[in-house]
């Protein structure tokens, strides 16, 4: 309740709320907007696991990526994967191009938002709204007939 009344009061008084690049003075996370899933990436039986150069995702075993527009944030690998309209998957680097922050992301209505300074990116990593000016990096990936997505974390693809 305090948070709502303070924000309402600030907006009524037209007090600008500014943010800096110093990550020590950040607002607490709103846990409801952060979609993360936990897997043991070193377990050979896990549907998401490391391989020497990246990640293997067994899409048939990942209900969180089945819906068009759904996404998965794999924090341990600095990677997020978006189900791009149900026909392809876009693996993106989670380091925001504004201040390289990588730990506060939300994805709603095809917009990725970095929770540090509210830079917005489209579903392919292109900047929609700053302060970021450069797009997110897109990892190279391949898709196999047995519904396996292999993401190469050492290589980036051309912009989509």
Protein backbone atom coordinates (compact mmCIF):
# COMPACT_ATOMS: atom_id res chain seq x y z
CA UNK A 1 0.00 0.00 0.00
CA UNK A 2 2.84 2.38 0.83
CA UNK A 3 4.38 1.86 -2.61
CA UNK A 4 1.09 2.67 -4.39
CA UNK A 5 0.42 5.81 -2.34
CA UNK A 6 3.97 7.12 -2.80
CA UNK A 7 3.83 6.59 -6.56
CA UNK A 8 0.35 8.10 -6.78
CA UNK A 9 1.47 11.10 -4.72
CA UNK A 10 4.54 11.59 -6.90
CA UNK A 11 2.48 11.49 -10.08
CA UNK A 12 -0.09 13.95 -8.70
CA UNK A 13 2.65 16.38 -7.82
CA UNK A 14 4.36 15.81 -11.19
CA UNK A 15 7.62 14.88 -9.52
CA UNK A 16 9.84 13.14 -12.05
CA UNK A 17 11.24 9.81 -10.96
CA UNK A 18 14.72 9.42 -12.39
CA UNK A 19 16.93 6.36 -12.55
CA UNK A 20 20.68 6.21 -12.91
CA UNK A 21 23.07 3.56 -14.14
CA UNK A 22 24.11 2.79 -10.57
CA UNK A 23 22.58 -0.59 -9.83
CA UNK A 24 22.81 -0.11 -6.05
CA UNK A 25 19.74 2.14 -5.80
CA UNK A 26 17.14 -0.04 -7.49
CA UNK A 27 13.53 -0.71 -6.67
CA UNK A 28 12.66 -4.20 -5.41
CA UNK A 29 11.63 -6.72 -8.05
CA UNK A 30 7.97 -7.18 -8.85
CA UNK A 31 8.08 -10.97 -8.81
CA UNK A 32 4.82 -11.35 -10.75
CA UNK A 33 6.29 -10.10 -14.01
CA UNK A 34 9.41 -12.25 -14.12
CA UNK A 35 8.89 -15.62 -15.80
CA UNK A 36 11.76 -17.88 -14.87
CA UNK A 37 11.99 -21.63 -14.72
CA UNK A 38 14.57 -23.64 -12.88
CA UNK A 39 16.37 -26.59 -14.40
CA UNK A 40 19.60 -28.29 -13.49
CA UNK A 41 21.51 -27.46 -16.66
CA UNK A 42 24.21 -30.00 -15.85
CA UNK A 43 21.76 -32.92 -15.50
CA UNK A 44 21.86 -35.03 -18.71
CA UNK A 45 18.16 -35.85 -18.22
CA UNK A 46 17.05 -32.22 -17.99
CA UNK A 47 15.02 -30.77 -20.91
CA UNK A 48 17.37 -27.75 -20.81
CA UNK A 49 21.06 -28.53 -20.47
CA UNK A 50 24.51 -27.26 -21.27
CA UNK A 51 26.57 -28.70 -24.10
CA UNK A 52 30.17 -27.63 -24.82
CA UNK A 53 29.27 -24.43 -26.74
CA UNK A 54 25.80 -23.68 -25.52
CA UNK A 55 22.41 -25.10 -24.66
CA UNK A 56 20.15 -27.92 -25.77
CA UNK A 57 16.41 -27.43 -25.31
CA UNK A 58 14.06 -30.39 -25.76
CA UNK A 59 11.00 -28.41 -26.81
CA UNK A 60 8.57 -31.32 -26.40
CA UNK A 61 9.43 -31.35 -22.69
CA UNK A 62 9.16 -27.59 -22.16
CA UNK A 63 5.51 -26.57 -21.68
CA UNK A 64 6.63 -23.02 -20.89
CA UNK A 65 7.70 -22.58 -24.55
CA UNK A 66 4.70 -24.18 -26.27
CA UNK A 67 2.51 -21.12 -26.66
CA UNK A 68 3.14 -18.52 -29.33
CA UNK A 69 4.64 -15.50 -27.59
CA UNK A 70 5.85 -17.48 -24.58
CA UNK A 71 9.40 -17.22 -23.36
CA UNK A 72 11.97 -18.85 -21.14
CA UNK A 73 14.72 -17.07 -19.26
CA UNK A 74 17.77 -19.24 -18.61
CA UNK A 75 19.67 -17.10 -16.10
CA UNK A 76 22.66 -19.43 -15.70
CA UNK A 77 23.42 -19.09 -19.42
CA UNK A 78 22.62 -15.37 -19.90
CA UNK A 79 20.04 -16.44 -22.45
CA UNK A 80 16.33 -16.08 -23.05
CA UNK A 81 14.36 -17.92 -25.72
CA UNK A 82 11.16 -16.55 -27.21
CA UNK A 83 8.59 -18.66 -29.07
CA UNK A 84 8.35 -16.28 -32.00
CA UNK A 85 4.80 -16.69 -33.28
CA UNK A 86 4.84 -20.47 -32.93
CA UNK A 87 7.01 -21.15 -35.97
CA UNK A 88 10.47 -20.22 -34.77
CA UNK A 89 12.43 -19.52 -31.62
CA UNK A 90 14.65 -16.51 -30.97
CA UNK A 91 17.50 -16.98 -28.46
CA UNK A 92 18.72 -13.64 -27.09
CA UNK A 93 21.59 -12.58 -24.87
CA UNK A 94 20.18 -11.25 -21.58
CA UNK A 95 22.78 -8.52 -21.13
CA UNK A 96 20.98 -5.26 -21.78
CA UNK A 97 22.91 -3.10 -24.22
CA UNK A 98 22.40 -0.01 -22.07
CA UNK A 99 24.37 -0.91 -18.90
CA UNK A 100 24.96 -4.67 -19.42
CA UNK A 101 22.52 -5.59 -16.64
CA UNK A 102 21.22 -9.12 -17.08
CA UNK A 103 19.01 -10.00 -14.15
CA UNK A 104 15.68 -8.15 -14.48
CA UNK A 105 13.56 -8.97 -17.51
CA UNK A 106 9.89 -9.13 -18.31
CA UNK A 107 8.15 -10.04 -21.56
CA UNK A 108 4.61 -8.86 -22.25
CA UNK A 109 2.76 -8.36 -25.53
CA UNK A 110 5.89 -8.97 -27.62
CA UNK A 111 7.92 -6.40 -25.66
CA UNK A 112 10.99 -7.31 -23.60
CA UNK A 113 11.66 -4.82 -20.82
CA UNK A 114 14.89 -4.53 -18.88
CA UNK A 115 13.80 -3.83 -15.32
CA UNK A 116 16.85 -1.73 -14.50
CA UNK A 117 16.20 1.33 -16.67
CA UNK A 118 13.13 0.26 -18.68
CA UNK A 119 14.77 -0.14 -22.06
CA UNK A 120 12.34 -1.95 -24.35
CA UNK A 121 13.11 -4.43 -27.10
CA UNK A 122 10.89 -6.23 -29.61
CA UNK A 123 10.66 -10.04 -29.77
CA UNK A 124 13.76 -10.12 -31.98
CA UNK A 125 15.89 -7.96 -29.71
CA UNK A 126 15.60 -4.67 -31.62
CA UNK A 127 15.35 -1.50 -29.51
CA UNK A 128 11.85 -0.07 -29.23
CA UNK A 129 12.59 2.50 -26.53
CA UNK A 130 15.78 3.61 -24.79
CA UNK A 131 17.90 4.41 -22.98
CA UNK A 132 19.45 1.41 -24.82
CA UNK A 133 20.46 2.29 -28.38
CA UNK A 134 21.85 -1.05 -29.62
CA UNK A 135 19.83 -4.25 -30.14
CA UNK A 136 20.25 -7.33 -27.97
CA UNK A 137 22.55 -9.97 -29.41
CA UNK A 138 20.84 -12.95 -31.04
CA UNK A 139 22.54 -16.28 -30.45
CA UNK A 140 23.02 -18.65 -33.38
CA UNK A 141 20.71 -21.65 -33.13
CA UNK A 142 19.57 -24.68 -35.04
CA UNK A 143 16.32 -26.60 -34.92
CA UNK A 144 16.14 -30.34 -35.56
CA UNK A 145 13.27 -32.50 -36.79
CA UNK A 146 13.03 -34.18 -33.39
CA UNK A 147 12.05 -30.80 -31.87
CA UNK A 148 15.44 -29.98 -30.34
CA UNK A 149 16.67 -26.40 -30.27
CA UNK A 150 20.44 -26.08 -30.01
CA UNK A 151 21.68 -22.63 -29.02
CA UNK A 152 25.31 -21.73 -29.64
CA UNK A 153 26.34 -19.38 -26.83
CA UNK A 154 29.68 -18.60 -28.50
CA UNK A 155 28.22 -17.37 -31.78
CA UNK A 156 25.76 -14.66 -32.73
CA UNK A 157 23.55 -14.69 -35.78
CA UNK A 158 22.86 -11.88 -38.18
CA UNK A 159 20.00 -9.58 -37.24
CA UNK A 160 16.62 -11.02 -38.14
